[in-house]
N, C-alpha and C. Protein backbone atom coordinates (compact mmCIF):
# COMPACT_ATOMS: atom_id res chain seq x y z
N MET A 1 -53.92 194.61 -57.99
CA MET A 1 -53.30 193.42 -58.74
C MET A 1 -53.68 192.51 -57.70
N ILE A 2 -53.76 192.59 -56.16
CA ILE A 2 -53.40 191.48 -55.36
C ILE A 2 -55.30 190.66 -55.57
N LYS A 3 -56.05 192.17 -55.53
CA LYS A 3 -57.34 191.73 -55.83
C LYS A 3 -57.48 190.78 -57.11
N ASN A 4 -57.16 191.01 -58.16
CA ASN A 4 -57.70 190.66 -59.39
C ASN A 4 -57.10 189.26 -59.03
N LEU A 5 -55.90 189.10 -58.21
CA LEU A 5 -55.39 187.75 -58.23
C LEU A 5 -56.31 186.71 -57.66
N ILE A 6 -56.92 187.46 -56.31
CA ILE A 6 -58.12 186.64 -55.67
C ILE A 6 -58.96 186.66 -56.31
N LEU A 7 -59.86 187.12 -56.92
CA LEU A 7 -61.05 186.98 -58.07
C LEU A 7 -60.61 186.22 -59.14
N SER A 8 -59.10 186.34 -59.51
CA SER A 8 -58.78 184.59 -60.69
C SER A 8 -59.18 183.47 -60.13
N LEU A 9 -58.25 183.27 -58.40
CA LEU A 9 -58.56 182.47 -58.00
C LEU A 9 -60.00 181.51 -57.58
N TYR A 10 -60.40 182.48 -57.18
CA TYR A 10 -62.02 182.03 -56.40
C TYR A 10 -62.64 181.58 -58.19
N PHE A 11 -62.59 182.27 -58.84
CA PHE A 11 -62.88 181.67 -60.38
C PHE A 11 -62.23 179.97 -60.62
N VAL A 12 -61.34 179.91 -60.53
CA VAL A 12 -60.85 178.59 -60.81
C VAL A 12 -61.59 177.70 -60.00
N LEU A 13 -61.55 178.40 -58.27
CA LEU A 13 -61.86 176.91 -57.31
C LEU A 13 -63.30 177.03 -57.24
N PHE A 14 -64.59 177.86 -57.38
CA PHE A 14 -65.96 178.28 -57.36
C PHE A 14 -66.67 177.88 -58.60
N SER A 15 -66.32 178.77 -60.07
CA SER A 15 -67.00 178.35 -60.91
C SER A 15 -66.53 177.23 -61.68
N GLY A 16 -66.89 177.12 -63.07
CA GLY A 16 -66.67 176.55 -64.30
C GLY A 16 -65.45 176.25 -64.11
N GLY A 17 -64.31 177.33 -63.98
CA GLY A 17 -63.19 177.23 -64.13
C GLY A 17 -62.26 175.56 -63.62
N VAL A 18 -63.57 175.49 -62.37
CA VAL A 18 -63.01 173.91 -61.26
C VAL A 18 -62.58 172.45 -62.73
N SER A 19 -63.55 172.27 -63.17
CA SER A 19 -63.71 171.31 -64.23
C SER A 19 -62.66 171.20 -64.83
N THR A 20 -61.70 172.16 -65.69
CA THR A 20 -60.45 172.22 -66.12
C THR A 20 -59.24 172.13 -65.27
N VAL A 21 -59.37 172.10 -64.27
CA VAL A 21 -58.00 171.97 -63.04
C VAL A 21 -58.71 170.98 -62.81
N GLN A 22 -59.95 170.08 -62.64
CA GLN A 22 -60.18 168.42 -62.43
C GLN A 22 -59.40 167.65 -63.47
N ASN A 23 -59.47 167.69 -64.65
CA ASN A 23 -59.34 167.49 -66.16
C ASN A 23 -57.73 167.10 -66.32
N ILE A 24 -57.12 167.67 -65.55
CA ILE A 24 -55.78 167.71 -65.74
C ILE A 24 -55.00 167.09 -64.66
N LEU A 25 -55.72 167.36 -63.00
CA LEU A 25 -55.17 166.31 -62.22
C LEU A 25 -55.34 164.86 -62.60
N PRO A 26 -54.37 163.94 -62.02
CA PRO A 26 -54.50 162.22 -62.55
C PRO A 26 -55.88 161.95 -61.62
N GLN A 27 -56.38 160.66 -61.65
CA GLN A 27 -57.47 160.58 -61.11
C GLN A 27 -57.51 159.28 -60.19
N LYS A 28 -58.15 159.15 -59.17
CA LYS A 28 -57.14 158.49 -58.30
C LYS A 28 -57.56 156.94 -58.42
N GLU A 29 -57.07 156.25 -57.50
CA GLU A 29 -57.55 154.68 -57.55
C GLU A 29 -57.47 153.55 -56.40
N ASN A 30 -58.69 153.80 -56.18
CA ASN A 30 -58.42 152.06 -55.20
C ASN A 30 -57.35 150.86 -55.09
N VAL A 31 -56.75 150.49 -54.04
CA VAL A 31 -56.24 149.24 -54.65
C VAL A 31 -57.36 148.04 -53.70
N LEU A 32 -57.39 147.47 -54.69
CA LEU A 32 -58.43 146.48 -54.40
C LEU A 32 -57.82 144.99 -53.90
N SER A 33 -56.50 145.04 -54.15
CA SER A 33 -55.65 144.07 -53.58
C SER A 33 -54.17 143.62 -54.17
N SER A 34 -53.21 143.39 -53.76
CA SER A 34 -52.15 142.96 -54.05
C SER A 34 -51.00 141.82 -53.35
N ARG A 35 -50.39 141.20 -54.33
CA ARG A 35 -49.49 140.22 -53.52
C ARG A 35 -48.48 139.85 -54.61
N THR A 36 -47.10 139.76 -53.80
CA THR A 36 -46.19 139.95 -53.94
C THR A 36 -45.01 138.34 -54.02
N ILE A 37 -44.58 138.11 -55.37
CA ILE A 37 -43.90 136.83 -54.70
C ILE A 37 -42.18 137.22 -55.26
N SER A 38 -41.27 136.15 -54.44
CA SER A 38 -39.64 136.00 -54.91
C SER A 38 -40.01 135.33 -56.23
N LEU A 39 -38.49 135.60 -57.61
CA LEU A 39 -38.66 134.92 -58.47
C LEU A 39 -37.36 134.20 -58.19
N GLU A 40 -36.51 134.50 -57.18
CA GLU A 40 -35.51 133.83 -57.48
C GLU A 40 -35.42 132.28 -56.08
N ASN A 41 -36.87 132.12 -55.65
CA ASN A 41 -37.07 130.35 -54.98
C ASN A 41 -38.02 129.78 -55.17
N ARG A 42 -38.41 129.61 -56.96
CA ARG A 42 -39.30 129.12 -57.44
C ARG A 42 -39.21 127.42 -57.54
N TYR A 43 -37.55 126.83 -57.60
CA TYR A 43 -37.87 125.36 -57.28
C TYR A 43 -36.45 125.63 -56.50
N PRO A 44 -36.59 123.95 -55.37
CA PRO A 44 -35.35 123.86 -54.62
C PRO A 44 -34.19 123.69 -55.55
N SER A 45 -34.28 123.23 -56.34
CA SER A 45 -32.97 123.39 -57.62
C SER A 45 -32.67 124.62 -58.24
N GLN A 46 -31.37 124.95 -57.96
CA GLN A 46 -31.51 126.59 -58.80
C GLN A 46 -31.20 126.60 -60.14
N ARG A 47 -31.02 125.64 -60.62
CA ARG A 47 -30.53 125.88 -62.12
C ARG A 47 -32.34 125.60 -62.76
N VAL A 48 -33.57 124.80 -62.16
CA VAL A 48 -34.64 124.82 -62.53
C VAL A 48 -35.47 126.10 -61.89
N SER A 49 -34.68 126.74 -61.26
CA SER A 49 -35.73 128.07 -60.42
C SER A 49 -35.78 129.02 -61.41
N ASP A 50 -34.05 129.04 -62.20
CA ASP A 50 -33.90 129.89 -62.89
C ASP A 50 -34.41 130.05 -64.21
N VAL A 51 -34.79 128.61 -64.89
CA VAL A 51 -35.70 128.75 -65.77
C VAL A 51 -37.02 129.05 -65.28
N PHE A 52 -37.55 128.71 -64.57
CA PHE A 52 -38.97 129.42 -64.09
C PHE A 52 -39.20 130.49 -64.16
N LYS A 53 -38.12 131.45 -63.54
CA LYS A 53 -38.08 132.87 -63.72
C LYS A 53 -37.92 133.16 -64.97
N ASP A 54 -36.91 132.63 -65.52
CA ASP A 54 -36.91 133.37 -67.21
C ASP A 54 -38.59 132.99 -67.74
N ASN A 55 -38.75 131.92 -67.45
CA ASN A 55 -40.22 132.13 -68.49
C ASN A 55 -41.57 132.80 -67.65
N ILE A 56 -40.70 133.37 -66.71
CA ILE A 56 -42.08 133.91 -66.23
C ILE A 56 -42.11 135.37 -66.54
N LEU A 57 -40.47 135.87 -66.75
CA LEU A 57 -40.71 137.21 -67.54
C LEU A 57 -40.73 137.22 -68.56
N LEU A 58 -40.46 136.18 -69.39
CA LEU A 58 -40.64 136.34 -70.75
C LEU A 58 -42.25 135.65 -71.28
N ASN A 59 -43.00 135.44 -70.33
CA ASN A 59 -44.61 135.53 -70.33
C ASN A 59 -44.76 137.11 -70.28
N LEU A 60 -44.55 137.71 -69.06
CA LEU A 60 -44.59 139.22 -69.14
C LEU A 60 -44.28 139.91 -70.27
N ALA A 61 -43.35 139.96 -70.67
CA ALA A 61 -42.93 140.85 -71.84
C ALA A 61 -43.80 140.22 -72.66
N TYR A 62 -44.15 139.11 -73.05
CA TYR A 62 -45.05 138.77 -74.34
C TYR A 62 -46.20 139.50 -74.10
N LEU A 63 -46.87 139.49 -72.68
CA LEU A 63 -48.49 140.43 -71.86
C LEU A 63 -48.07 141.50 -72.45
N ASP A 64 -46.98 142.78 -71.96
CA ASP A 64 -47.32 143.57 -72.03
C ASP A 64 -46.78 144.15 -73.52
N GLY A 65 -46.12 143.24 -74.14
CA GLY A 65 -45.63 143.60 -75.57
C GLY A 65 -44.39 144.13 -75.79
N ARG A 66 -43.22 143.85 -74.74
CA ARG A 66 -42.43 144.03 -75.52
C ARG A 66 -41.46 143.03 -76.23
N VAL A 67 -41.80 142.38 -76.07
CA VAL A 67 -41.93 141.03 -77.11
C VAL A 67 -42.72 140.32 -77.89
N ASP A 68 -42.72 140.39 -79.04
CA ASP A 68 -43.34 139.81 -80.17
C ASP A 68 -43.30 138.41 -80.63
N SER A 69 -42.22 137.79 -80.77
CA SER A 69 -42.00 136.42 -81.35
C SER A 69 -40.41 136.60 -80.57
N ALA A 70 -40.26 135.22 -80.94
CA ALA A 70 -38.85 134.51 -80.34
C ALA A 70 -37.87 135.59 -80.76
N GLN A 71 -38.08 135.77 -82.19
CA GLN A 71 -36.68 136.44 -83.05
C GLN A 71 -36.79 138.34 -81.92
N ASP A 72 -37.28 138.22 -81.04
CA ASP A 72 -37.63 139.64 -80.25
C ASP A 72 -36.92 139.64 -79.05
N ILE A 73 -36.63 138.15 -78.50
CA ILE A 73 -36.45 137.89 -76.50
C ILE A 73 -34.75 138.36 -76.60
N ASN A 74 -34.20 139.35 -75.78
CA ASN A 74 -33.16 139.32 -75.48
C ASN A 74 -33.36 139.51 -73.70
N TRP A 75 -32.49 138.48 -73.30
CA TRP A 75 -32.75 138.06 -71.94
C TRP A 75 -32.47 139.29 -71.16
N ALA A 76 -31.52 139.58 -71.53
CA ALA A 76 -30.75 140.44 -70.51
C ALA A 76 -31.72 142.06 -70.28
N GLU A 77 -32.59 142.66 -71.73
CA GLU A 77 -33.06 143.05 -70.97
C GLU A 77 -34.51 142.89 -70.24
N ILE A 78 -35.02 141.47 -70.71
CA ILE A 78 -36.46 140.78 -69.96
C ILE A 78 -35.73 140.93 -68.53
N ASP A 79 -34.73 140.86 -68.19
CA ASP A 79 -34.35 140.53 -66.93
C ASP A 79 -34.21 141.37 -65.99
N ASN A 80 -34.57 143.04 -66.45
CA ASN A 80 -34.66 144.33 -66.42
C ASN A 80 -35.77 144.44 -65.10
N SER A 81 -35.52 145.61 -64.40
CA SER A 81 -36.83 146.08 -63.60
C SER A 81 -37.87 146.58 -64.47
N PHE A 82 -39.61 146.63 -64.09
CA PHE A 82 -40.42 146.74 -65.06
C PHE A 82 -40.99 147.65 -64.71
N ARG A 83 -42.67 147.81 -65.11
CA ARG A 83 -43.49 147.95 -64.62
C ARG A 83 -44.74 148.33 -66.03
N SER A 84 -45.85 147.34 -65.75
CA SER A 84 -46.58 147.49 -67.50
C SER A 84 -47.97 147.06 -66.17
N GLU A 85 -49.19 147.44 -67.26
CA GLU A 85 -50.46 146.93 -66.78
C GLU A 85 -50.95 146.83 -67.95
N PHE A 86 -52.51 145.83 -67.51
CA PHE A 86 -53.47 146.08 -68.64
C PHE A 86 -54.74 146.59 -68.11
N THR A 87 -55.57 147.02 -68.72
CA THR A 87 -57.32 147.36 -67.69
C THR A 87 -58.09 146.68 -68.42
N LEU A 88 -59.00 146.38 -67.45
CA LEU A 88 -60.21 145.77 -67.91
C LEU A 88 -61.48 146.31 -67.90
N GLN A 89 -62.05 146.23 -69.45
CA GLN A 89 -63.39 147.67 -69.24
C GLN A 89 -64.58 146.28 -68.02
N PRO A 90 -65.69 147.18 -67.56
CA PRO A 90 -66.31 146.34 -67.28
C PRO A 90 -67.40 145.23 -68.06
N ASN A 91 -67.11 143.77 -67.54
CA ASN A 91 -67.65 142.87 -67.98
C ASN A 91 -67.28 142.22 -69.20
N GLU A 92 -65.50 142.71 -69.59
CA GLU A 92 -64.51 142.48 -70.01
C GLU A 92 -63.99 140.76 -69.26
N THR A 93 -63.40 139.93 -70.08
CA THR A 93 -62.87 138.91 -69.64
C THR A 93 -61.05 138.80 -70.03
N PHE A 94 -59.92 138.51 -69.36
CA PHE A 94 -58.74 138.18 -69.34
C PHE A 94 -58.90 137.03 -69.58
N ALA A 95 -57.93 136.21 -70.44
CA ALA A 95 -57.86 134.56 -70.41
C ALA A 95 -56.42 134.50 -70.76
N TYR A 96 -55.81 133.59 -69.56
CA TYR A 96 -54.63 133.69 -69.53
C TYR A 96 -53.89 132.67 -71.20
N HIS A 97 -54.63 132.08 -72.17
CA HIS A 97 -54.10 132.13 -73.44
C HIS A 97 -55.07 131.86 -74.27
N ASP A 98 -55.24 131.77 -75.61
CA ASP A 98 -56.10 132.42 -76.40
C ASP A 98 -57.15 130.57 -76.76
N ALA A 99 -56.90 129.58 -76.29
CA ALA A 99 -57.61 128.27 -76.36
C ALA A 99 -58.76 128.87 -74.96
N VAL A 100 -59.95 128.79 -75.42
CA VAL A 100 -61.09 129.50 -74.20
C VAL A 100 -62.27 128.39 -74.29
N LEU A 101 -62.92 128.11 -73.14
CA LEU A 101 -64.11 127.40 -73.16
C LEU A 101 -65.32 128.32 -73.71
N PRO A 102 -66.25 126.98 -74.40
CA PRO A 102 -67.28 127.56 -75.12
C PRO A 102 -67.76 129.18 -74.18
N GLN A 103 -68.17 128.91 -73.06
CA GLN A 103 -68.80 130.41 -72.43
C GLN A 103 -68.20 131.49 -72.68
N PHE A 104 -66.91 131.84 -72.80
CA PHE A 104 -65.85 132.53 -73.42
C PHE A 104 -65.95 132.93 -74.59
N ASP A 105 -66.11 132.45 -75.63
CA ASP A 105 -65.77 132.85 -77.19
C ASP A 105 -66.88 134.58 -77.16
N GLY A 106 -65.40 134.75 -77.94
CA GLY A 106 -66.16 136.47 -77.76
C GLY A 106 -66.32 137.65 -77.14
N LYS A 107 -65.83 136.77 -75.95
CA LYS A 107 -65.62 137.60 -74.70
C LYS A 107 -64.09 138.16 -73.96
N VAL A 108 -63.41 137.24 -74.79
CA VAL A 108 -62.01 137.98 -74.33
C VAL A 108 -61.26 138.84 -74.76
N VAL A 109 -61.03 139.66 -74.45
CA VAL A 109 -60.32 140.82 -75.12
C VAL A 109 -58.81 140.79 -74.12
N LYS A 110 -58.24 139.98 -73.50
CA LYS A 110 -56.57 139.84 -73.60
C LYS A 110 -55.95 138.72 -73.13
N THR A 111 -55.34 138.35 -73.64
CA THR A 111 -54.83 136.86 -73.17
C THR A 111 -52.68 137.87 -73.08
N THR A 112 -52.58 137.08 -72.66
CA THR A 112 -50.73 136.66 -72.25
C THR A 112 -49.82 136.44 -73.52
N GLU A 113 -50.77 136.59 -74.66
CA GLU A 113 -50.41 136.47 -75.98
C GLU A 113 -48.89 135.67 -76.34
N ALA A 114 -49.02 134.54 -75.48
CA ALA A 114 -48.10 133.25 -75.88
C ALA A 114 -48.57 131.90 -75.70
N HIS A 115 -47.94 130.58 -75.74
CA HIS A 115 -48.61 129.45 -76.01
C HIS A 115 -47.66 128.74 -75.07
N PHE A 116 -46.22 129.37 -74.68
CA PHE A 116 -45.44 128.70 -73.80
C PHE A 116 -44.26 127.57 -74.33
N ASN A 117 -44.11 127.74 -75.83
CA ASN A 117 -43.35 126.66 -76.49
C ASN A 117 -42.27 126.96 -76.80
N TYR A 118 -41.61 125.85 -77.52
CA TYR A 118 -40.32 126.26 -78.05
C TYR A 118 -39.86 127.53 -79.06
N SER A 119 -41.47 127.37 -79.82
CA SER A 119 -41.39 128.19 -80.91
C SER A 119 -41.24 129.96 -80.15
N ASP A 120 -41.65 130.10 -79.08
CA ASP A 120 -42.16 131.34 -78.03
C ASP A 120 -41.22 131.65 -77.68
N GLY A 121 -39.52 130.25 -77.95
CA GLY A 121 -38.85 130.88 -77.51
C GLY A 121 -38.37 130.60 -75.47
N PHE A 122 -39.74 129.82 -75.44
CA PHE A 122 -39.33 129.69 -73.94
C PHE A 122 -38.37 128.42 -73.33
N LYS A 123 -37.94 128.35 -72.20
CA LYS A 123 -36.82 127.70 -71.98
C LYS A 123 -37.33 126.62 -71.24
N THR A 124 -36.89 125.25 -71.12
CA THR A 124 -37.30 123.63 -70.54
C THR A 124 -36.82 123.73 -69.44
N ASP A 125 -36.55 122.61 -68.40
CA ASP A 125 -35.99 122.53 -67.26
C ASP A 125 -35.58 120.85 -67.46
N GLY A 126 -36.05 120.10 -68.80
CA GLY A 126 -35.86 118.81 -69.10
C GLY A 126 -37.42 118.42 -69.21
N TYR A 127 -38.47 118.76 -68.56
CA TYR A 127 -39.74 118.37 -68.61
C TYR A 127 -40.84 118.71 -69.18
N LEU A 128 -40.97 120.07 -69.07
CA LEU A 128 -42.16 121.18 -70.18
C LEU A 128 -41.42 122.41 -70.63
N TYR A 129 -41.35 122.29 -71.52
CA TYR A 129 -41.46 123.98 -72.13
C TYR A 129 -42.38 124.44 -71.37
N GLY A 130 -42.17 125.80 -71.25
CA GLY A 130 -42.37 126.92 -70.70
C GLY A 130 -42.95 126.67 -68.89
N ASP A 131 -42.01 126.12 -67.94
CA ASP A 131 -42.13 125.57 -66.58
C ASP A 131 -42.22 127.03 -65.86
N GLY A 132 -42.89 127.39 -65.38
CA GLY A 132 -43.03 128.28 -64.18
C GLY A 132 -44.18 129.41 -64.80
N VAL A 133 -44.89 129.29 -65.90
CA VAL A 133 -45.93 130.39 -66.30
C VAL A 133 -46.87 130.17 -65.45
N CYS A 134 -46.77 128.44 -64.60
CA CYS A 134 -48.48 128.29 -63.95
C CYS A 134 -47.98 129.07 -62.81
N HIS A 135 -46.94 129.72 -61.98
CA HIS A 135 -46.40 130.39 -60.53
C HIS A 135 -47.18 131.49 -61.00
N LEU A 136 -47.01 132.33 -62.38
CA LEU A 136 -47.40 133.52 -62.29
C LEU A 136 -49.06 133.46 -63.31
N ALA A 137 -49.62 132.82 -63.18
CA ALA A 137 -51.14 132.59 -63.56
C ALA A 137 -51.50 132.25 -61.78
N SER A 138 -51.07 131.72 -61.21
CA SER A 138 -51.33 131.08 -59.28
C SER A 138 -51.40 132.72 -58.51
N LEU A 139 -50.01 133.48 -59.27
CA LEU A 139 -50.05 135.01 -59.02
C LEU A 139 -51.01 135.66 -58.89
N ILE A 140 -51.81 135.72 -60.47
CA ILE A 140 -52.58 136.59 -61.14
C ILE A 140 -53.87 135.90 -60.39
N ASN A 141 -53.72 134.64 -60.05
CA ASN A 141 -55.33 134.62 -59.53
C ASN A 141 -55.44 134.95 -58.19
N TRP A 142 -54.45 134.86 -57.39
CA TRP A 142 -54.48 135.07 -55.95
C TRP A 142 -55.37 136.46 -55.65
N ALA A 143 -54.55 137.47 -56.99
CA ALA A 143 -54.85 139.06 -56.36
C ALA A 143 -56.25 139.18 -57.13
N ALA A 144 -56.63 138.35 -58.07
CA ALA A 144 -58.08 138.36 -58.87
C ALA A 144 -58.95 138.26 -57.62
N ARG A 145 -58.69 136.77 -57.39
CA ARG A 145 -59.59 136.44 -56.12
C ARG A 145 -60.37 137.34 -55.00
N GLU A 146 -58.69 137.92 -54.45
CA GLU A 146 -58.44 138.79 -53.37
C GLU A 146 -59.79 139.91 -53.70
N ALA A 147 -59.08 140.52 -55.06
CA ALA A 147 -60.44 141.74 -55.86
C ALA A 147 -61.91 141.72 -55.58
N LYS A 148 -62.21 140.81 -55.68
CA LYS A 148 -63.35 139.99 -55.61
C LYS A 148 -63.81 139.63 -57.21
N LEU A 149 -63.30 139.88 -58.03
CA LEU A 149 -63.57 140.07 -59.18
C LEU A 149 -63.95 138.46 -59.47
N ASP A 150 -64.61 138.04 -60.70
CA ASP A 150 -65.25 136.81 -61.12
C ASP A 150 -64.10 136.27 -61.83
N VAL A 151 -63.50 134.90 -61.11
CA VAL A 151 -62.12 133.84 -61.53
C VAL A 151 -62.97 132.70 -61.67
N LEU A 152 -62.11 132.39 -62.62
CA LEU A 152 -62.39 130.56 -63.20
C LEU A 152 -61.48 130.07 -63.58
N ALA A 153 -60.82 128.62 -62.62
CA ALA A 153 -59.77 128.09 -62.81
C ALA A 153 -60.17 126.91 -63.16
N PRO A 154 -60.24 126.19 -63.93
CA PRO A 154 -60.49 124.72 -63.95
C PRO A 154 -59.89 124.00 -63.38
N ALA A 155 -58.24 123.68 -63.48
CA ALA A 155 -57.46 122.67 -63.18
C ALA A 155 -56.36 123.86 -62.19
N ASN A 156 -56.63 122.84 -61.10
CA ASN A 156 -55.70 123.49 -59.65
C ASN A 156 -54.60 122.98 -60.01
N HIS A 157 -53.24 123.61 -59.31
CA HIS A 157 -52.17 122.84 -59.41
C HIS A 157 -51.89 122.25 -58.08
N ASP A 158 -52.43 121.69 -57.89
CA ASP A 158 -52.49 121.11 -56.01
C ASP A 158 -51.48 119.44 -56.31
N PHE A 159 -51.28 119.71 -57.80
CA PHE A 159 -49.99 118.35 -57.60
C PHE A 159 -48.53 118.50 -56.98
N ALA A 160 -48.65 120.39 -57.13
CA ALA A 160 -47.26 120.45 -57.14
C ALA A 160 -47.24 121.79 -56.07
N ASN A 161 -46.28 121.70 -55.03
CA ASN A 161 -46.18 122.96 -54.79
C ASN A 161 -45.82 124.48 -55.23
N ILE A 162 -46.67 125.71 -55.07
CA ILE A 162 -46.04 127.23 -55.77
C ILE A 162 -45.55 127.75 -54.51
N PRO A 163 -44.03 127.89 -53.94
CA PRO A 163 -44.01 128.53 -53.03
C PRO A 163 -44.34 130.17 -52.83
N GLU A 164 -44.78 130.18 -52.22
CA GLU A 164 -45.23 131.95 -51.34
C GLU A 164 -46.15 132.10 -52.26
N VAL A 165 -46.90 131.06 -52.56
CA VAL A 165 -48.47 130.92 -53.47
C VAL A 165 -49.43 130.03 -52.21
N PRO A 166 -50.72 130.70 -51.64
CA PRO A 166 -51.00 129.70 -50.70
C PRO A 166 -51.36 128.10 -52.15
N LYS A 167 -51.90 126.81 -51.51
CA LYS A 167 -52.39 126.08 -52.00
C LYS A 167 -53.91 125.91 -53.13
N GLU A 168 -54.49 126.82 -52.34
CA GLU A 168 -55.74 126.85 -52.79
C GLU A 168 -56.02 127.92 -54.25
N PHE A 169 -54.44 129.00 -54.38
CA PHE A 169 -54.95 129.82 -55.35
C PHE A 169 -54.00 128.97 -56.84
N GLY A 170 -53.44 127.88 -56.93
CA GLY A 170 -52.54 127.59 -57.63
C GLY A 170 -53.18 127.03 -58.87
N VAL A 171 -52.91 127.12 -59.98
CA VAL A 171 -53.82 127.29 -61.63
C VAL A 171 -52.55 126.38 -62.21
N SER A 172 -53.16 125.31 -62.95
CA SER A 172 -52.61 124.96 -63.90
C SER A 172 -52.85 125.39 -65.04
N ILE A 173 -51.72 125.41 -65.69
CA ILE A 173 -51.95 126.52 -67.24
C ILE A 173 -51.46 125.25 -68.36
N TYR A 174 -51.71 124.97 -69.01
CA TYR A 174 -51.41 123.82 -70.33
C TYR A 174 -51.70 124.42 -71.60
N TYR A 175 -51.36 124.50 -73.09
CA TYR A 175 -51.81 124.83 -74.56
C TYR A 175 -51.53 123.54 -75.27
N ASN A 176 -51.98 123.02 -75.74
CA ASN A 176 -52.00 122.05 -76.41
C ASN A 176 -52.62 122.73 -78.05
N PRO A 177 -51.79 122.92 -79.41
CA PRO A 177 -52.35 123.32 -80.40
C PRO A 177 -53.44 122.28 -81.12
N ALA A 178 -52.54 120.90 -80.57
CA ALA A 178 -53.33 119.91 -81.53
C ALA A 178 -54.85 119.38 -80.76
N ASN A 179 -55.01 120.00 -79.70
CA ASN A 179 -56.41 119.69 -78.97
C ASN A 179 -56.72 120.85 -77.91
N LYS A 180 -57.47 121.92 -78.22
CA LYS A 180 -58.09 123.61 -77.45
C LYS A 180 -58.71 122.84 -76.17
N SER A 181 -59.48 122.08 -76.78
CA SER A 181 -59.91 122.11 -75.43
C SER A 181 -59.33 121.47 -74.27
N ILE A 182 -58.42 120.94 -74.41
CA ILE A 182 -57.41 120.37 -73.21
C ILE A 182 -56.78 121.72 -72.49
N GLY A 183 -56.62 122.63 -73.43
CA GLY A 183 -56.11 124.02 -72.88
C GLY A 183 -57.07 124.98 -72.54
N ALA A 184 -58.34 124.25 -72.75
CA ALA A 184 -59.62 125.27 -72.90
C ALA A 184 -59.62 125.16 -71.24
N ASN A 185 -59.43 123.81 -70.71
CA ASN A 185 -59.63 123.56 -69.32
C ASN A 185 -58.60 123.55 -67.98
N GLN A 186 -57.37 123.77 -68.81
CA GLN A 186 -55.88 124.42 -67.84
C GLN A 186 -55.80 125.82 -68.22
N ASN A 187 -56.88 126.69 -68.33
CA ASN A 187 -56.57 127.97 -67.94
C ASN A 187 -56.88 129.08 -66.75
N LEU A 188 -57.12 130.12 -67.34
CA LEU A 188 -57.34 131.06 -66.22
C LEU A 188 -58.21 131.83 -66.94
N TYR A 189 -59.79 132.22 -65.96
CA TYR A 189 -60.18 133.39 -66.86
C TYR A 189 -60.82 134.32 -66.07
N ILE A 190 -60.36 135.52 -66.06
CA ILE A 190 -61.13 136.48 -65.03
C ILE A 190 -61.50 137.56 -65.63
N THR A 191 -63.08 137.84 -65.16
CA THR A 191 -63.81 139.01 -65.70
C THR A 191 -64.21 139.77 -64.81
N ASN A 192 -64.30 141.24 -65.02
CA ASN A 192 -64.29 142.45 -64.42
C ASN A 192 -65.97 142.99 -63.79
N ASN A 193 -66.38 142.37 -63.03
CA ASN A 193 -67.43 142.47 -62.62
C ASN A 193 -67.80 143.65 -61.50
N GLN A 194 -66.88 145.07 -61.97
CA GLN A 194 -67.12 146.25 -61.50
C GLN A 194 -67.84 146.92 -62.20
N ASP A 195 -68.60 147.86 -62.08
CA ASP A 195 -69.26 149.00 -62.62
C ASP A 195 -67.97 149.53 -62.64
N LYS A 196 -66.94 149.42 -62.97
CA LYS A 196 -65.73 150.61 -63.44
C LYS A 196 -64.40 150.22 -63.67
N PRO A 197 -63.51 150.29 -64.78
CA PRO A 197 -62.69 149.82 -65.68
C PRO A 197 -61.47 149.05 -64.22
N VAL A 198 -61.05 148.31 -63.91
CA VAL A 198 -59.88 147.48 -63.15
C VAL A 198 -58.76 147.38 -63.57
N ASN A 199 -57.44 147.98 -62.95
CA ASN A 199 -56.37 147.85 -63.86
C ASN A 199 -55.47 146.96 -62.97
N PHE A 200 -54.42 145.62 -64.14
CA PHE A 200 -53.61 144.69 -63.39
C PHE A 200 -52.11 145.22 -63.31
N VAL A 201 -51.61 145.69 -62.74
CA VAL A 201 -50.20 146.20 -62.52
C VAL A 201 -49.18 145.44 -62.00
N PHE A 202 -48.57 145.02 -63.05
CA PHE A 202 -47.34 144.23 -62.82
C PHE A 202 -46.04 145.24 -62.08
N GLU A 203 -45.50 144.79 -61.48
CA GLU A 203 -43.84 145.32 -61.57
C GLU A 203 -42.90 144.48 -60.62
N TYR A 204 -41.77 144.55 -61.44
CA TYR A 204 -40.49 143.51 -61.10
C TYR A 204 -39.32 144.53 -60.87
N LYS A 205 -38.66 144.08 -59.56
CA LYS A 205 -37.80 144.79 -59.01
C LYS A 205 -37.19 143.89 -57.97
N ASP A 206 -35.75 144.00 -58.22
CA ASP A 206 -34.78 143.15 -57.62
C ASP A 206 -35.45 141.80 -56.95
N GLY A 207 -35.85 140.88 -58.21
CA GLY A 207 -35.93 139.85 -57.82
C GLY A 207 -37.32 139.42 -57.39
N GLN A 208 -37.97 140.65 -57.14
CA GLN A 208 -39.63 140.48 -56.79
C GLN A 208 -40.80 140.65 -57.89
N LEU A 209 -41.83 139.78 -57.99
CA LEU A 209 -42.86 140.52 -58.91
C LEU A 209 -44.25 141.12 -58.15
N SER A 210 -44.93 141.71 -58.14
CA SER A 210 -46.12 141.97 -57.54
C SER A 210 -46.52 142.09 -58.54
N VAL A 211 -48.19 141.37 -58.33
CA VAL A 211 -49.70 141.84 -59.27
C VAL A 211 -50.26 142.82 -58.42
N THR A 212 -50.65 144.31 -58.54
CA THR A 212 -51.90 144.85 -57.98
C THR A 212 -52.97 145.14 -59.15
N VAL A 213 -54.05 144.62 -58.04
CA VAL A 213 -55.27 145.10 -58.91
C VAL A 213 -55.63 146.33 -58.10
N THR A 214 -56.14 147.78 -59.06
CA THR A 214 -56.81 148.75 -58.43
C THR A 214 -58.15 149.43 -59.36
N ALA A 215 -58.89 150.19 -59.38
CA ALA A 215 -60.53 150.59 -59.90
C ALA A 215 -59.83 151.94 -59.62
N GLN A 216 -60.65 152.45 -60.43
CA GLN A 216 -60.94 154.11 -60.14
C GLN A 216 -61.48 154.00 -58.76
N ALA A 217 -61.01 155.26 -58.26
CA ALA A 217 -61.82 155.65 -56.78
C ALA A 217 -63.07 156.47 -56.95
C-alpha cells in the first residue's frame, strides 16, 4: 500500500498529473506599486472633509458596481470596509469618466461609471458637487505611474493641495455634460503597457484607502 502511495505521488509530481495540480493553485502576482491615504483628513474643515470622504467612497461604489444609480445609495453600507478590483488586459485603457480625448475613442474599457453630480447622489460642500473625487483620481494616478503604466492626466491639481499625495501626482477631474471636450481634458487615462493583465485593487478599512497595482508573476 505504501508503495502504491509513493507511486501515486510520483505520478502527480513528475508526470502529466502536475498540470492538474498547478491549474487548481492560485496564480501568484507581483505588486507593481501600492499607495495609501487616510479619508479622515481630506480637508482642514471636518465638515468639508466628510463630504470629500463620502464622495470618494460613493465613486468607488459606482466603480465596482455596488451602486448603479442614486436610488441604490445606502451611506451606512458605502462606509463599510471593502475590497474590490478591476483588470486591464494588455493595451486596454481606463478613463476616469466617459468624456474622452479623440485618441482614446473606442479604446476605453473601464471608467468609474459616474459623473459626480447631484443626479448621481454626490454631495456638495457648497462649492461643487462631487468634491473629493480628484483625491481618488490622484491616488490612482500615483499608483499607476509608480507601476510604470502609460498615464495621461491633462490637467494638474496644482491649484489646491491634496493631503498625502505629492503635488506632481495631483489630477483635476471634471465632467461637463454640455461640453464634453472640457471634461476630456480634465480626465485620467491609464493604459496597460505590460504584456500581461494588470489589476487595480482597492481596499478600505479603518478610514484608510489603498490602491495596489499587481501583475501576474
